[in-house]
Amino acid sequence: MSSKKSGKQRMAQSKAPIHVRRKRMRARLITDDPDLKDIRSVTVRVGDEVEVTRGDFSHPNSVKADSRGKRLAQARGRAGVKAKVARVDTGNDFIFVDGLTQSTADGKEEAVPIRPSNVIVTKLYEGDPLRIRRIMDRTSGGDSE
């Protein structure tokens, strides 16, 4: 960004093209794979396994499956939920994780939106070998000859 003013930076962030916003939806990568030990963060995509680390579905002390969350003066939700990413909303910078739902006033269940910065990617989606190859090339410094 070219401006020092925080208001202009926020405006540029919100008005960025969708392909740029997609690349900014990144999360920490913590995995046991020795090939990926040098990768700090990755762009979140559908199929990645994530663990929620912040918010109503992350608190380690309470495990209530059907609660609504701290905002509503109730106990927090399931602790440290680990599941796959079901949907990525690039326009609003949210991801939706399998199994994270809350009930609406009319009794329906709807998915809870989560910011990518509030999750940790624990396992990458294996269905795209090109993506894995590109991530591996970043570890070698990009000088694959």
Protein backbone atom coordinates (compact mmCIF):
# COMPACT_ATOMS: atom_id res chain seq x y z
CA MET A 1 0.00 0.00 0.00
CA SER A 2 1.31 3.42 -0.83
CA SER A 3 -0.28 5.55 1.88
CA LYS A 4 0.72 5.81 5.53
CA LYS A 5 -2.79 6.78 6.60
CA SER A 6 -4.60 3.90 8.26
CA GLY A 7 -8.00 5.00 6.96
CA LYS A 8 -6.75 4.94 3.38
CA GLN A 9 -5.17 1.53 3.97
CA ARG A 10 -8.45 0.11 5.29
CA MET A 11 -10.30 1.61 2.32
CA ALA A 12 -7.82 0.09 -0.14
CA GLN A 13 -8.14 -3.27 1.62
CA SER A 14 -11.92 -3.28 1.35
CA LYS A 15 -11.98 -2.07 -2.26
CA ALA A 16 -9.25 -4.40 -3.53
CA PRO A 17 -10.05 -6.65 -6.50
CA ILE A 18 -11.39 -10.09 -5.61
CA HIS A 19 -8.29 -11.95 -6.85
CA VAL A 20 -6.11 -9.83 -4.55
CA ARG A 21 -8.48 -10.29 -1.59
CA ARG A 22 -8.39 -14.05 -2.12
CA LYS A 23 -4.61 -14.14 -1.72
CA ARG A 24 -4.85 -12.11 1.50
CA MET A 25 -7.02 -14.77 3.15
CA ARG A 26 -4.12 -16.55 4.80
CA ALA A 27 -3.69 -18.53 8.01
CA ARG A 28 -0.84 -20.07 9.99
CA LEU A 29 0.31 -23.52 8.92
CA ILE A 30 1.29 -25.88 11.73
CA THR A 31 1.77 -29.43 10.52
CA ASP A 32 3.87 -32.51 11.26
CA ASP A 33 5.06 -32.78 7.64
CA PRO A 34 8.84 -32.19 7.62
CA ASP A 35 8.70 -30.85 4.06
CA LEU A 36 6.45 -27.98 5.18
CA LYS A 37 8.33 -26.98 8.34
CA ASP A 38 9.62 -23.75 6.78
CA ILE A 39 6.20 -22.56 5.56
CA ARG A 40 4.67 -20.05 7.97
CA SER A 41 1.26 -19.38 6.37
CA VAL A 42 -0.85 -20.52 3.44
CA THR A 43 -3.90 -19.26 1.59
CA VAL A 44 -6.93 -21.04 3.02
CA ARG A 45 -8.99 -23.08 0.57
CA VAL A 46 -11.89 -25.52 0.63
CA GLY A 47 -10.79 -28.94 1.84
CA ASP A 48 -8.00 -27.78 4.17
CA GLU A 49 -8.25 -29.07 7.73
CA VAL A 50 -8.23 -26.24 10.25
CA GLU A 51 -8.39 -25.79 14.01
CA VAL A 52 -10.27 -22.79 15.38
CA THR A 53 -8.04 -20.92 17.83
CA ARG A 54 -10.04 -17.79 18.65
CA GLY A 55 -13.69 -16.97 19.17
CA ASP A 56 -16.67 -18.85 20.55
CA PHE A 57 -15.53 -22.22 19.18
CA SER A 58 -11.98 -22.16 20.53
CA HIS A 59 -11.93 -21.82 24.31
CA PRO A 60 -10.22 -24.87 25.84
CA ASN A 61 -12.04 -24.89 29.21
CA SER A 62 -15.66 -25.38 28.18
CA VAL A 63 -17.12 -28.04 25.94
CA LYS A 64 -20.81 -27.35 25.42
CA ALA A 65 -22.02 -28.53 22.05
CA ASP A 66 -25.28 -26.61 21.82
CA SER A 67 -24.40 -23.26 23.40
CA ARG A 68 -24.50 -19.93 21.65
CA GLY A 69 -21.30 -18.23 22.79
CA LYS A 70 -19.83 -15.65 25.09
CA ARG A 71 -21.39 -12.67 23.33
CA LEU A 72 -24.82 -13.78 24.51
CA ALA A 73 -23.71 -14.29 28.15
CA GLN A 74 -23.79 -18.06 27.75
CA ALA A 75 -21.05 -20.64 27.91
CA ARG A 76 -18.77 -20.84 24.90
CA GLY A 77 -19.10 -23.42 22.14
CA ARG A 78 -17.11 -26.58 21.46
CA ALA A 79 -13.47 -26.13 22.35
CA GLY A 80 -10.80 -26.05 19.64
CA VAL A 81 -12.94 -27.40 16.82
CA LYS A 82 -10.91 -29.29 14.19
CA ALA A 83 -12.67 -29.75 10.85
CA LYS A 84 -12.45 -29.12 7.11
CA VAL A 85 -13.15 -25.80 5.42
CA ALA A 86 -16.57 -26.05 3.76
CA ARG A 87 -16.75 -22.68 2.01
CA VAL A 88 -14.61 -19.58 1.46
CA ASP A 89 -16.34 -16.19 1.15
CA THR A 90 -13.81 -13.95 -0.56
CA GLY A 91 -16.08 -10.92 -0.77
CA ASN A 92 -16.54 -10.67 2.99
CA ASP A 93 -13.23 -12.33 4.03
CA PHE A 94 -14.83 -15.23 5.91
CA ILE A 95 -14.43 -18.99 5.90
CA PHE A 96 -17.04 -21.54 6.95
CA VAL A 97 -15.98 -24.72 8.73
CA ASP A 98 -17.87 -28.04 8.74
CA GLY A 99 -19.88 -28.53 11.90
CA LEU A 100 -19.80 -24.94 13.13
CA THR A 101 -23.42 -23.84 13.16
CA GLN A 102 -25.70 -21.81 15.37
CA SER A 103 -29.45 -21.85 15.57
CA THR A 104 -31.42 -18.85 14.35
CA ALA A 105 -34.51 -17.38 15.99
CA ASP A 106 -36.82 -19.49 13.82
CA GLY A 107 -34.99 -22.72 14.69
CA LYS A 108 -32.88 -23.14 11.55
CA GLU A 109 -29.19 -23.93 11.67
CA GLU A 110 -26.79 -21.64 9.82
CA ALA A 111 -23.02 -21.71 9.41
CA VAL A 112 -20.87 -19.46 11.58
CA PRO A 113 -18.46 -17.20 9.65
CA ILE A 114 -14.85 -17.17 10.88
CA ARG A 115 -11.94 -14.95 9.90
CA PRO A 116 -8.98 -16.89 8.46
CA SER A 117 -6.64 -15.25 10.97
CA ASN A 118 -8.53 -17.04 13.78
CA VAL A 119 -7.70 -20.54 12.58
CA ILE A 120 -4.61 -22.69 12.17
CA VAL A 121 -4.26 -24.90 9.09
CA THR A 122 -3.27 -28.37 10.27
CA LYS A 123 -3.48 -30.33 7.00
CA LEU A 124 -3.48 -29.16 3.40
CA TYR A 125 -6.00 -30.34 0.82
CA GLU A 126 -4.33 -33.15 -1.13
CA GLY A 127 -6.49 -32.91 -4.25
CA ASP A 128 -4.42 -30.17 -5.92
CA PRO A 129 -0.86 -31.37 -6.59
CA LEU A 130 0.04 -28.09 -8.34
CA ARG A 131 -0.70 -26.13 -5.17
CA ILE A 132 1.44 -28.49 -3.09
CA ARG A 133 4.27 -28.18 -5.61
CA ARG A 134 4.07 -24.37 -5.53
CA ILE A 135 4.18 -24.38 -1.73
CA MET A 136 7.17 -26.74 -1.75
CA ASP A 137 8.97 -24.47 -4.22
CA ARG A 138 8.67 -21.61 -1.73
CA THR A 139 10.71 -23.62 0.78
CA SER A 140 13.57 -24.07 -1.66
CA GLY A 141 13.74 -20.35 -2.40
CA GLY A 142 12.25 -20.68 -5.87
CA ASP A 143 15.55 -21.66 -7.51
CA SER A 144 14.51 -25.09 -8.75
CA GLU A 145 16.77 -25.69 -11.73
